[in-house]
Amino acid sequence: SSAGCLNAMWLVSGRLRDGIPTWTDPALV
């Protein structure tokens, strides 16, 4: 659901280590 869907997408892709760090990237946030 919402932001949770984006996390689910990264998990399904098999690329969690590419995506999850974006939560704490100041430029992206």
mmCIF file of all heavy atoms, coordinates in Angstrom:
data_MODEL
# 
_entry.id   MODEL 
# 
loop_
_atom_site.group_PDB 
_atom_site.id 
_atom_site.type_symbol 
_atom_site.label_atom_id 
_atom_site.label_alt_id 
_atom_site.label_comp_id 
_atom_site.label_asym_id 
_atom_site.label_entity_id 
_atom_site.label_seq_id 
_atom_site.pdbx_PDB_ins_code 
_atom_site.Cartn_x 
_atom_site.Cartn_y 
_atom_site.Cartn_z 
_atom_site.occupancy 
_atom_site.B_iso_or_equiv 
_atom_site.pdbx_formal_charge 
_atom_site.auth_seq_id 
_atom_site.auth_comp_id 
_atom_site.auth_asym_id 
_atom_site.auth_atom_id 
_atom_site.pdbx_PDB_model_num 
ATOM 1   N N   . SER A 1 1  ? 0.857  -1.188 0.000   1.00 0.00 ? 1  SER A N   1 
ATOM 2   C CA  . SER A 1 1  ? 0.000  0.000  0.000   1.00 0.00 ? 1  SER A CA  1 
ATOM 3   C C   . SER A 1 1  ? 0.886  1.227  0.000   1.00 0.00 ? 1  SER A C   1 
ATOM 4   O O   . SER A 1 1  ? 1.738  1.387  0.868   1.00 0.00 ? 1  SER A O   1 
ATOM 5   C CB  . SER A 1 1  ? -0.890 -0.017 1.240   1.00 0.00 ? 1  SER A CB  1 
ATOM 6   O OG  . SER A 1 1  ? -1.547 1.219  1.408   1.00 0.00 ? 1  SER A OG  1 
ATOM 7   N N   . SER A 1 2  ? 0.722  2.106  -0.997  1.00 0.00 ? 2  SER A N   1 
ATOM 8   C CA  . SER A 1 2  ? 1.407  3.393  -1.040  1.00 0.00 ? 2  SER A CA  1 
ATOM 9   C C   . SER A 1 2  ? 2.917  3.201  -0.942  1.00 0.00 ? 2  SER A C   1 
ATOM 10  O O   . SER A 1 2  ? 3.507  2.471  -1.735  1.00 0.00 ? 2  SER A O   1 
ATOM 11  C CB  . SER A 1 2  ? 0.859  4.294  0.075   1.00 0.00 ? 2  SER A CB  1 
ATOM 12  O OG  . SER A 1 2  ? 1.243  5.623  -0.093  1.00 0.00 ? 2  SER A OG  1 
ATOM 13  N N   . ALA A 1 3  ? 3.568  3.857  0.027   1.00 0.00 ? 3  ALA A N   1 
ATOM 14  C CA  . ALA A 1 3  ? 5.014  3.717  0.170   1.00 0.00 ? 3  ALA A CA  1 
ATOM 15  C C   . ALA A 1 3  ? 5.417  2.260  0.397   1.00 0.00 ? 3  ALA A C   1 
ATOM 16  O O   . ALA A 1 3  ? 6.491  1.823  -0.021  1.00 0.00 ? 3  ALA A O   1 
ATOM 17  C CB  . ALA A 1 3  ? 5.515  4.587  1.320   1.00 0.00 ? 3  ALA A CB  1 
ATOM 18  N N   . GLY A 1 4  ? 4.542  1.508  1.058   1.00 0.00 ? 4  GLY A N   1 
ATOM 19  C CA  . GLY A 1 4  ? 4.813  0.092  1.267   1.00 0.00 ? 4  GLY A CA  1 
ATOM 20  C C   . GLY A 1 4  ? 4.864  -0.682 -0.031  1.00 0.00 ? 4  GLY A C   1 
ATOM 21  O O   . GLY A 1 4  ? 5.580  -1.681 -0.153  1.00 0.00 ? 4  GLY A O   1 
ATOM 22  N N   . CYS A 1 5  ? 4.117  -0.219 -1.028  1.00 0.00 ? 5  CYS A N   1 
ATOM 23  C CA  . CYS A 1 5  ? 4.139  -0.856 -2.337  1.00 0.00 ? 5  CYS A CA  1 
ATOM 24  C C   . CYS A 1 5  ? 5.503  -0.690 -3.000  1.00 0.00 ? 5  CYS A C   1 
ATOM 25  O O   . CYS A 1 5  ? 5.994  -1.597 -3.676  1.00 0.00 ? 5  CYS A O   1 
ATOM 26  C CB  . CYS A 1 5  ? 3.039  -0.269 -3.224  1.00 0.00 ? 5  CYS A CB  1 
ATOM 27  S SG  . CYS A 1 5  ? 2.930  -1.026 -4.850  1.00 0.00 ? 5  CYS A SG  1 
ATOM 28  N N   . LEU A 1 6  ? 6.127  0.471  -2.799  1.00 0.00 ? 6  LEU A N   1 
ATOM 29  C CA  . LEU A 1 6  ? 7.453  0.699  -3.370  1.00 0.00 ? 6  LEU A CA  1 
ATOM 30  C C   . LEU A 1 6  ? 8.479  -0.240 -2.729  1.00 0.00 ? 6  LEU A C   1 
ATOM 31  O O   . LEU A 1 6  ? 9.337  -0.803 -3.414  1.00 0.00 ? 6  LEU A O   1 
ATOM 32  C CB  . LEU A 1 6  ? 7.859  2.158  -3.186  1.00 0.00 ? 6  LEU A CB  1 
ATOM 33  C CG  . LEU A 1 6  ? 6.908  3.185  -3.802  1.00 0.00 ? 6  LEU A CG  1 
ATOM 34  C CD1 . LEU A 1 6  ? 7.410  4.604  -3.559  1.00 0.00 ? 6  LEU A CD1 1 
ATOM 35  C CD2 . LEU A 1 6  ? 6.710  2.931  -5.295  1.00 0.00 ? 6  LEU A CD2 1 
ATOM 36  N N   . ASN A 1 7  ? 8.386  -0.442 -1.414  1.00 0.00 ? 7  ASN A N   1 
ATOM 37  C CA  . ASN A 1 7  ? 9.274  -1.398 -0.751  1.00 0.00 ? 7  ASN A CA  1 
ATOM 38  C C   . ASN A 1 7  ? 9.017  -2.821 -1.246  1.00 0.00 ? 7  ASN A C   1 
ATOM 39  O O   . ASN A 1 7  ? 9.959  -3.596 -1.452  1.00 0.00 ? 7  ASN A O   1 
ATOM 40  C CB  . ASN A 1 7  ? 9.093  -1.327 0.760   1.00 0.00 ? 7  ASN A CB  1 
ATOM 41  C CG  . ASN A 1 7  ? 9.725  -0.089 1.367   1.00 0.00 ? 7  ASN A CG  1 
ATOM 42  O OD1 . ASN A 1 7  ? 10.687 0.455  0.832   1.00 0.00 ? 7  ASN A OD1 1 
ATOM 43  N ND2 . ASN A 1 7  ? 9.183  0.366  2.484   1.00 0.00 ? 7  ASN A ND2 1 
ATOM 44  N N   . ALA A 1 8  ? 7.739  -3.163 -1.420  1.00 0.00 ? 8  ALA A N   1 
ATOM 45  C CA  . ALA A 1 8  ? 7.409  -4.492 -1.940  1.00 0.00 ? 8  ALA A CA  1 
ATOM 46  C C   . ALA A 1 8  ? 7.982  -4.679 -3.328  1.00 0.00 ? 8  ALA A C   1 
ATOM 47  O O   . ALA A 1 8  ? 8.469  -5.764 -3.682  1.00 0.00 ? 8  ALA A O   1 
ATOM 48  C CB  . ALA A 1 8  ? 5.892  -4.680 -1.953  1.00 0.00 ? 8  ALA A CB  1 
ATOM 49  N N   . MET A 1 9  ? 7.936  -3.626 -4.148  1.00 0.00 ? 9  MET A N   1 
ATOM 50  C CA  . MET A 1 9  ? 8.485  -3.691 -5.497  1.00 0.00 ? 9  MET A CA  1 
ATOM 51  C C   . MET A 1 9  ? 9.982  -3.983 -5.480  1.00 0.00 ? 9  MET A C   1 
ATOM 52  O O   . MET A 1 9  ? 10.479 -4.825 -6.234  1.00 0.00 ? 9  MET A O   1 
ATOM 53  C CB  . MET A 1 9  ? 8.203  -2.380 -6.223  1.00 0.00 ? 9  MET A CB  1 
ATOM 54  C CG  . MET A 1 9  ? 8.708  -2.296 -7.650  1.00 0.00 ? 9  MET A CG  1 
ATOM 55  S SD  . MET A 1 9  ? 10.427 -1.732 -7.804  1.00 0.00 ? 9  MET A SD  1 
ATOM 56  C CE  . MET A 1 9  ? 10.334 -0.080 -7.106  1.00 0.00 ? 9  MET A CE  1 
ATOM 57  N N   . TRP A 1 10 ? 10.713 -3.301 -4.578  1.00 0.00 ? 10 TRP A N   1 
ATOM 58  C CA  . TRP A 1 10 ? 12.151 -3.544 -4.498  1.00 0.00 ? 10 TRP A CA  1 
ATOM 59  C C   . TRP A 1 10 ? 12.435 -4.980 -4.049  1.00 0.00 ? 10 TRP A C   1 
ATOM 60  O O   . TRP A 1 10 ? 13.358 -5.627 -4.554  1.00 0.00 ? 10 TRP A O   1 
ATOM 61  C CB  . TRP A 1 10 ? 12.798 -2.550 -3.533  1.00 0.00 ? 10 TRP A CB  1 
ATOM 62  C CG  . TRP A 1 10 ? 12.997 -1.183 -4.113  1.00 0.00 ? 10 TRP A CG  1 
ATOM 63  C CD1 . TRP A 1 10 ? 12.325 -0.039 -3.793  1.00 0.00 ? 10 TRP A CD1 1 
ATOM 64  C CD2 . TRP A 1 10 ? 13.932 -0.807 -5.129  1.00 0.00 ? 10 TRP A CD2 1 
ATOM 65  N NE1 . TRP A 1 10 ? 12.775 1.017  -4.538  1.00 0.00 ? 10 TRP A NE1 1 
ATOM 66  C CE2 . TRP A 1 10 ? 13.757 0.577  -5.373  1.00 0.00 ? 10 TRP A CE2 1 
ATOM 67  C CE3 . TRP A 1 10 ? 14.893 -1.507 -5.860  1.00 0.00 ? 10 TRP A CE3 1 
ATOM 68  C CZ2 . TRP A 1 10 ? 14.533 1.268  -6.313  1.00 0.00 ? 10 TRP A CZ2 1 
ATOM 69  C CZ3 . TRP A 1 10 ? 15.649 -0.816 -6.797  1.00 0.00 ? 10 TRP A CZ3 1 
ATOM 70  C CH2 . TRP A 1 10 ? 15.474 0.555  -7.021  1.00 0.00 ? 10 TRP A CH2 1 
ATOM 71  N N   . LEU A 1 11 ? 11.645 -5.497 -3.122  1.00 0.00 ? 11 LEU A N   1 
ATOM 72  C CA  . LEU A 1 11 ? 11.851 -6.874 -2.685  1.00 0.00 ? 11 LEU A CA  1 
ATOM 73  C C   . LEU A 1 11 ? 11.593 -7.851 -3.821  1.00 0.00 ? 11 LEU A C   1 
ATOM 74  O O   . LEU A 1 11 ? 12.383 -8.774 -4.065  1.00 0.00 ? 11 LEU A O   1 
ATOM 75  C CB  . LEU A 1 11 ? 10.959 -7.189 -1.486  1.00 0.00 ? 11 LEU A CB  1 
ATOM 76  C CG  . LEU A 1 11 ? 11.092 -8.615 -0.952  1.00 0.00 ? 11 LEU A CG  1 
ATOM 77  C CD1 . LEU A 1 11 ? 11.137 -8.613 0.575   1.00 0.00 ? 11 LEU A CD1 1 
ATOM 78  C CD2 . LEU A 1 11 ? 9.940  -9.508 -1.419  1.00 0.00 ? 11 LEU A CD2 1 
ATOM 79  N N   . VAL A 1 12 ? 10.501 -7.665 -4.537  1.00 0.00 ? 12 VAL A N   1 
ATOM 80  C CA  . VAL A 1 12 ? 10.161 -8.561 -5.646  1.00 0.00 ? 12 VAL A CA  1 
ATOM 81  C C   . VAL A 1 12 ? 11.239 -8.524 -6.722  1.00 0.00 ? 12 VAL A C   1 
ATOM 82  O O   . VAL A 1 12 ? 11.560 -9.549 -7.344  1.00 0.00 ? 12 VAL A O   1 
ATOM 83  C CB  . VAL A 1 12 ? 8.789  -8.169 -6.237  1.00 0.00 ? 12 VAL A CB  1 
ATOM 84  C CG1 . VAL A 1 12 ? 8.536  -8.873 -7.560  1.00 0.00 ? 12 VAL A CG1 1 
ATOM 85  C CG2 . VAL A 1 12 ? 7.680  -8.503 -5.245  1.00 0.00 ? 12 VAL A CG2 1 
ATOM 86  N N   . SER A 1 13 ? 11.832 -7.368 -6.941  1.00 0.00 ? 13 SER A N   1 
ATOM 87  C CA  . SER A 1 13 ? 12.854 -7.225 -7.988  1.00 0.00 ? 13 SER A CA  1 
ATOM 88  C C   . SER A 1 13 ? 14.141 -7.966 -7.666  1.00 0.00 ? 13 SER A C   1 
ATOM 89  O O   . SER A 1 13 ? 14.950 -8.225 -8.561  1.00 0.00 ? 13 SER A O   1 
ATOM 90  C CB  . SER A 1 13 ? 13.180 -5.743 -8.203  1.00 0.00 ? 13 SER A CB  1 
ATOM 91  O OG  . SER A 1 13 ? 13.976 -5.242 -7.130  1.00 0.00 ? 13 SER A OG  1 
ATOM 92  N N   . GLY A 1 14 ? 14.357 -8.283 -6.384  1.00 0.00 ? 14 GLY A N   1 
ATOM 93  C CA  . GLY A 1 14 ? 15.626 -8.883 -5.989  1.00 0.00 ? 14 GLY A CA  1 
ATOM 94  C C   . GLY A 1 14 ? 16.738 -7.869 -5.835  1.00 0.00 ? 14 GLY A C   1 
ATOM 95  O O   . GLY A 1 14 ? 17.914 -8.238 -5.732  1.00 0.00 ? 14 GLY A O   1 
ATOM 96  N N   . ARG A 1 15 ? 16.374 -6.571 -5.795  1.00 0.00 ? 15 ARG A N   1 
ATOM 97  C CA  . ARG A 1 15 ? 17.377 -5.507 -5.757  1.00 0.00 ? 15 ARG A CA  1 
ATOM 98  C C   . ARG A 1 15 ? 17.187 -4.599 -4.538  1.00 0.00 ? 15 ARG A C   1 
ATOM 99  O O   . ARG A 1 15 ? 17.348 -3.383 -4.625  1.00 0.00 ? 15 ARG A O   1 
ATOM 100 C CB  . ARG A 1 15 ? 17.307 -4.679 -7.036  1.00 0.00 ? 15 ARG A CB  1 
ATOM 101 C CG  . ARG A 1 15 ? 17.516 -5.511 -8.294  1.00 0.00 ? 15 ARG A CG  1 
ATOM 102 C CD  . ARG A 1 15 ? 17.488 -4.644 -9.528  1.00 0.00 ? 15 ARG A CD  1 
ATOM 103 N NE  . ARG A 1 15 ? 17.692 -5.425 -10.739 1.00 0.00 ? 15 ARG A NE  1 
ATOM 104 C CZ  . ARG A 1 15 ? 18.025 -4.894 -11.914 1.00 0.00 ? 15 ARG A CZ  1 
ATOM 105 N NH1 . ARG A 1 15 ? 18.161 -3.578 -12.024 1.00 0.00 ? 15 ARG A NH1 1 
ATOM 106 N NH2 . ARG A 1 15 ? 18.196 -5.670 -12.973 1.00 0.00 ? 15 ARG A NH2 1 
ATOM 107 N N   . LEU A 1 16 ? 16.871 -5.184 -3.421  1.00 0.00 ? 16 LEU A N   1 
ATOM 108 C CA  . LEU A 1 16 ? 16.627 -4.403 -2.213  1.00 0.00 ? 16 LEU A CA  1 
ATOM 109 C C   . LEU A 1 16 ? 17.798 -3.492 -1.869  1.00 0.00 ? 16 LEU A C   1 
ATOM 110 O O   . LEU A 1 16 ? 17.609 -2.357 -1.428  1.00 0.00 ? 16 LEU A O   1 
ATOM 111 C CB  . LEU A 1 16 ? 16.358 -5.340 -1.036  1.00 0.00 ? 16 LEU A CB  1 
ATOM 112 C CG  . LEU A 1 16 ? 14.921 -5.839 -0.863  1.00 0.00 ? 16 LEU A CG  1 
ATOM 113 C CD1 . LEU A 1 16 ? 14.887 -6.987 0.124   1.00 0.00 ? 16 LEU A CD1 1 
ATOM 114 C CD2 . LEU A 1 16 ? 14.024 -4.711 -0.385  1.00 0.00 ? 16 LEU A CD2 1 
ATOM 115 N N   . ARG A 1 17 ? 19.008 -3.975 -2.086  1.00 0.00 ? 17 ARG A N   1 
ATOM 116 C CA  . ARG A 1 17 ? 20.179 -3.182 -1.684  1.00 0.00 ? 17 ARG A CA  1 
ATOM 117 C C   . ARG A 1 17 ? 20.409 -1.994 -2.609  1.00 0.00 ? 17 ARG A C   1 
ATOM 118 O O   . ARG A 1 17 ? 21.164 -1.084 -2.255  1.00 0.00 ? 17 ARG A O   1 
ATOM 119 C CB  . ARG A 1 17 ? 21.407 -4.085 -1.600  1.00 0.00 ? 17 ARG A CB  1 
ATOM 120 C CG  . ARG A 1 17 ? 21.259 -5.115 -0.494  1.00 0.00 ? 17 ARG A CG  1 
ATOM 121 C CD  . ARG A 1 17 ? 22.462 -5.999 -0.310  1.00 0.00 ? 17 ARG A CD  1 
ATOM 122 N NE  . ARG A 1 17 ? 22.191 -7.000 0.709   1.00 0.00 ? 17 ARG A NE  1 
ATOM 123 C CZ  . ARG A 1 17 ? 22.341 -6.805 2.017   1.00 0.00 ? 17 ARG A CZ  1 
ATOM 124 N NH1 . ARG A 1 17 ? 22.749 -5.623 2.445   1.00 0.00 ? 17 ARG A NH1 1 
ATOM 125 N NH2 . ARG A 1 17 ? 22.081 -7.755 2.880   1.00 0.00 ? 17 ARG A NH2 1 
ATOM 126 N N   . ASP A 1 18 ? 19.763 -1.987 -3.770  1.00 0.00 ? 18 ASP A N   1 
ATOM 127 C CA  . ASP A 1 18 ? 19.770 -0.797 -4.612  1.00 0.00 ? 18 ASP A CA  1 
ATOM 128 C C   . ASP A 1 18 ? 18.737 0.223  -4.130  1.00 0.00 ? 18 ASP A C   1 
ATOM 129 O O   . ASP A 1 18 ? 18.972 1.432  -4.186  1.00 0.00 ? 18 ASP A O   1 
ATOM 130 C CB  . ASP A 1 18 ? 19.444 -1.141 -6.074  1.00 0.00 ? 18 ASP A CB  1 
ATOM 131 C CG  . ASP A 1 18 ? 20.567 -1.875 -6.773  1.00 0.00 ? 18 ASP A CG  1 
ATOM 132 O OD1 . ASP A 1 18 ? 21.690 -1.920 -6.235  1.00 0.00 ? 18 ASP A OD1 1 
ATOM 133 O OD2 . ASP A 1 18 ? 20.322 -2.414 -7.873  1.00 0.00 ? 18 ASP A OD2 1 
ATOM 134 N N   . GLY A 1 19 ? 17.584 -0.268 -3.692  1.00 0.00 ? 19 GLY A N   1 
ATOM 135 C CA  . GLY A 1 19 ? 16.449 0.605  -3.433  1.00 0.00 ? 19 GLY A CA  1 
ATOM 136 C C   . GLY A 1 19 ? 16.295 1.112  -2.027  1.00 0.00 ? 19 GLY A C   1 
ATOM 137 O O   . GLY A 1 19 ? 15.961 2.291  -1.818  1.00 0.00 ? 19 GLY A O   1 
ATOM 138 N N   . ILE A 1 20 ? 16.511 0.269  -1.018  1.00 0.00 ? 20 ILE A N   1 
ATOM 139 C CA  . ILE A 1 20 ? 16.222 0.678  0.354   1.00 0.00 ? 20 ILE A CA  1 
ATOM 140 C C   . ILE A 1 20 ? 17.094 1.849  0.821   1.00 0.00 ? 20 ILE A C   1 
ATOM 141 O O   . ILE A 1 20 ? 16.597 2.741  1.529   1.00 0.00 ? 20 ILE A O   1 
ATOM 142 C CB  . ILE A 1 20 ? 16.336 -0.523 1.315   1.00 0.00 ? 20 ILE A CB  1 
ATOM 143 C CG1 . ILE A 1 20 ? 15.318 -1.614 0.920   1.00 0.00 ? 20 ILE A CG1 1 
ATOM 144 C CG2 . ILE A 1 20 ? 16.100 -0.081 2.750   1.00 0.00 ? 20 ILE A CG2 1 
ATOM 145 C CD1 . ILE A 1 20 ? 13.888 -1.112 0.788   1.00 0.00 ? 20 ILE A CD1 1 
ATOM 146 N N   . PRO A 1 21 ? 18.370 1.925  0.426   1.00 0.00 ? 21 PRO A N   1 
ATOM 147 C CA  . PRO A 1 21 ? 19.170 3.085  0.846   1.00 0.00 ? 21 PRO A CA  1 
ATOM 148 C C   . PRO A 1 21 ? 18.630 4.425  0.352   1.00 0.00 ? 21 PRO A C   1 
ATOM 149 O O   . PRO A 1 21 ? 19.008 5.477  0.890   1.00 0.00 ? 21 PRO A O   1 
ATOM 150 C CB  . PRO A 1 21 ? 20.559 2.797  0.248   1.00 0.00 ? 21 PRO A CB  1 
ATOM 151 C CG  . PRO A 1 21 ? 20.626 1.301  0.177   1.00 0.00 ? 21 PRO A CG  1 
ATOM 152 C CD  . PRO A 1 21 ? 19.230 0.898  -0.211  1.00 0.00 ? 21 PRO A CD  1 
ATOM 153 N N   . THR A 1 22 ? 17.734 4.423  -0.637  1.00 0.00 ? 22 THR A N   1 
ATOM 154 C CA  . THR A 1 22 ? 17.185 5.693  -1.116  1.00 0.00 ? 22 THR A CA  1 
ATOM 155 C C   . THR A 1 22 ? 16.376 6.400  -0.033  1.00 0.00 ? 22 THR A C   1 
ATOM 156 O O   . THR A 1 22 ? 16.191 7.622  -0.092  1.00 0.00 ? 22 THR A O   1 
ATOM 157 C CB  . THR A 1 22 ? 16.298 5.490  -2.357  1.00 0.00 ? 22 THR A CB  1 
ATOM 158 O OG1 . THR A 1 22 ? 15.185 4.639  -2.028  1.00 0.00 ? 22 THR A OG1 1 
ATOM 159 C CG2 . THR A 1 22 ? 17.091 4.853  -3.489  1.00 0.00 ? 22 THR A CG2 1 
ATOM 160 N N   . TRP A 1 23 ? 15.882 5.661  0.953   1.00 0.00 ? 23 TRP A N   1 
ATOM 161 C CA  . TRP A 1 23 ? 15.125 6.280  2.035   1.00 0.00 ? 23 TRP A CA  1 
ATOM 162 C C   . TRP A 1 23 ? 15.983 7.261  2.827   1.00 0.00 ? 23 TRP A C   1 
ATOM 163 O O   . TRP A 1 23 ? 15.459 8.207  3.431   1.00 0.00 ? 23 TRP A O   1 
ATOM 164 C CB  . TRP A 1 23 ? 14.565 5.219  2.986   1.00 0.00 ? 23 TRP A CB  1 
ATOM 165 C CG  . TRP A 1 23 ? 13.399 4.470  2.438   1.00 0.00 ? 23 TRP A CG  1 
ATOM 166 C CD1 . TRP A 1 23 ? 13.376 3.171  2.012   1.00 0.00 ? 23 TRP A CD1 1 
ATOM 167 C CD2 . TRP A 1 23 ? 12.069 4.963  2.253   1.00 0.00 ? 23 TRP A CD2 1 
ATOM 168 N NE1 . TRP A 1 23 ? 12.124 2.836  1.572   1.00 0.00 ? 23 TRP A NE1 1 
ATOM 169 C CE2 . TRP A 1 23 ? 11.300 3.911  1.707   1.00 0.00 ? 23 TRP A CE2 1 
ATOM 170 C CE3 . TRP A 1 23 ? 11.463 6.190  2.485   1.00 0.00 ? 23 TRP A CE3 1 
ATOM 171 C CZ2 . TRP A 1 23 ? 9.947  4.050  1.395   1.00 0.00 ? 23 TRP A CZ2 1 
ATOM 172 C CZ3 . TRP A 1 23 ? 10.111 6.346  2.176   1.00 0.00 ? 23 TRP A CZ3 1 
ATOM 173 C CH2 . TRP A 1 23 ? 9.366  5.273  1.642   1.00 0.00 ? 23 TRP A CH2 1 
ATOM 174 N N   . THR A 1 24 ? 17.287 7.033  2.857   1.00 0.00 ? 24 THR A N   1 
ATOM 175 C CA  . THR A 1 24 ? 18.160 7.891  3.660   1.00 0.00 ? 24 THR A CA  1 
ATOM 176 C C   . THR A 1 24 ? 19.149 8.682  2.807   1.00 0.00 ? 24 THR A C   1 
ATOM 177 O O   . THR A 1 24 ? 20.156 9.176  3.318   1.00 0.00 ? 24 THR A O   1 
ATOM 178 C CB  . THR A 1 24 ? 18.933 7.048  4.699   1.00 0.00 ? 24 THR A CB  1 
ATOM 179 O OG1 . THR A 1 24 ? 19.665 6.000  4.021   1.00 0.00 ? 24 THR A OG1 1 
ATOM 180 C CG2 . THR A 1 24 ? 17.974 6.421  5.690   1.00 0.00 ? 24 THR A CG2 1 
ATOM 181 N N   . ASP A 1 25 ? 18.867 8.813  1.524   1.00 0.00 ? 25 ASP A N   1 
ATOM 182 C CA  . ASP A 1 25 ? 19.680 9.629  0.633   1.00 0.00 ? 25 ASP A CA  1 
ATOM 183 C C   . ASP A 1 25 ? 19.137 11.060 0.684   1.00 0.00 ? 25 ASP A C   1 
ATOM 184 O O   . ASP A 1 25 ? 18.034 11.328 0.204   1.00 0.00 ? 25 ASP A O   1 
ATOM 185 C CB  . ASP A 1 25 ? 19.609 9.068  -0.789  1.00 0.00 ? 25 ASP A CB  1 
ATOM 186 C CG  . ASP A 1 25 ? 20.469 9.850  -1.773  1.00 0.00 ? 25 ASP A CG  1 
ATOM 187 O OD1 . ASP A 1 25 ? 20.591 11.078 -1.633  1.00 0.00 ? 25 ASP A OD1 1 
ATOM 188 O OD2 . ASP A 1 25 ? 20.999 9.229  -2.714  1.00 0.00 ? 25 ASP A OD2 1 
ATOM 189 N N   . PRO A 1 26 ? 19.879 12.011 1.265   1.00 0.00 ? 26 PRO A N   1 
ATOM 190 C CA  . PRO A 1 26 ? 19.347 13.373 1.431   1.00 0.00 ? 26 PRO A CA  1 
ATOM 191 C C   . PRO A 1 26 ? 18.891 14.009 0.124   1.00 0.00 ? 26 PRO A C   1 
ATOM 192 O O   . PRO A 1 26 ? 17.832 14.656 0.084   1.00 0.00 ? 26 PRO A O   1 
ATOM 193 C CB  . PRO A 1 26 ? 20.532 14.139 2.041   1.00 0.00 ? 26 PRO A CB  1 
ATOM 194 C CG  . PRO A 1 26 ? 21.367 13.094 2.702   1.00 0.00 ? 26 PRO A CG  1 
ATOM 195 C CD  . PRO A 1 26 ? 21.222 11.872 1.846   1.00 0.00 ? 26 PRO A CD  1 
ATOM 196 N N   . ALA A 1 27 ? 19.661 13.817 -0.948  1.00 0.00 ? 27 ALA A N   1 
ATOM 197 C CA  . ALA A 1 27 ? 19.297 14.431 -2.224  1.00 0.00 ? 27 ALA A CA  1 
ATOM 198 C C   . ALA A 1 27 ? 17.971 13.888 -2.736  1.00 0.00 ? 27 ALA A C   1 
ATOM 199 O O   . ALA A 1 27 ? 17.097 14.642 -3.181  1.00 0.00 ? 27 ALA A O   1 
ATOM 200 C CB  . ALA A 1 27 ? 20.403 14.201 -3.256  1.00 0.00 ? 27 ALA A CB  1 
ATOM 201 N N   . LEU A 1 28 ? 17.793 12.571 -2.644  1.00 0.00 ? 28 LEU A N   1 
ATOM 202 C CA  . LEU A 1 28 ? 16.557 11.967 -3.134  1.00 0.00 ? 28 LEU A CA  1 
ATOM 203 C C   . LEU A 1 28 ? 15.363 12.341 -2.261  1.00 0.00 ? 28 LEU A C   1 
ATOM 204 O O   . LEU A 1 28 ? 14.270 12.600 -2.768  1.00 0.00 ? 28 LEU A O   1 
ATOM 205 C CB  . LEU A 1 28 ? 16.702 10.449 -3.199  1.00 0.00 ? 28 LEU A CB  1 
ATOM 206 C CG  . LEU A 1 28 ? 17.405 9.890  -4.437  1.00 0.00 ? 28 LEU A CG  1 
ATOM 207 C CD1 . LEU A 1 28 ? 17.624 8.396  -4.295  1.00 0.00 ? 28 LEU A CD1 1 
ATOM 208 C CD2 . LEU A 1 28 ? 16.612 10.189 -5.693  1.00 0.00 ? 28 LEU A CD2 1 
ATOM 209 N N   . VAL A 1 29 ? 15.565 12.369 -0.946  1.00 0.00 ? 29 VAL A N   1 
ATOM 210 C CA  . VAL A 1 29 ? 14.462 12.703 -0.041  1.00 0.00 ? 29 VAL A CA  1 
ATOM 211 C C   . VAL A 1 29 ? 13.982 14.127 -0.287  1.00 0.00 ? 29 VAL A C   1 
ATOM 212 O O   . VAL A 1 29 ? 12.776 14.397 -0.352  1.00 0.00 ? 29 VAL A O   1 
ATOM 213 C CB  . VAL A 1 29 ? 14.880 12.511 1.429   1.00 0.00 ? 29 VAL A CB  1 
ATOM 214 C CG1 . VAL A 1 29 ? 13.841 13.109 2.371   1.00 0.00 ? 29 VAL A CG1 1 
ATOM 215 C CG2 . VAL A 1 29 ? 15.068 11.024 1.733   1.00 0.00 ? 29 VAL A CG2 1 
# 
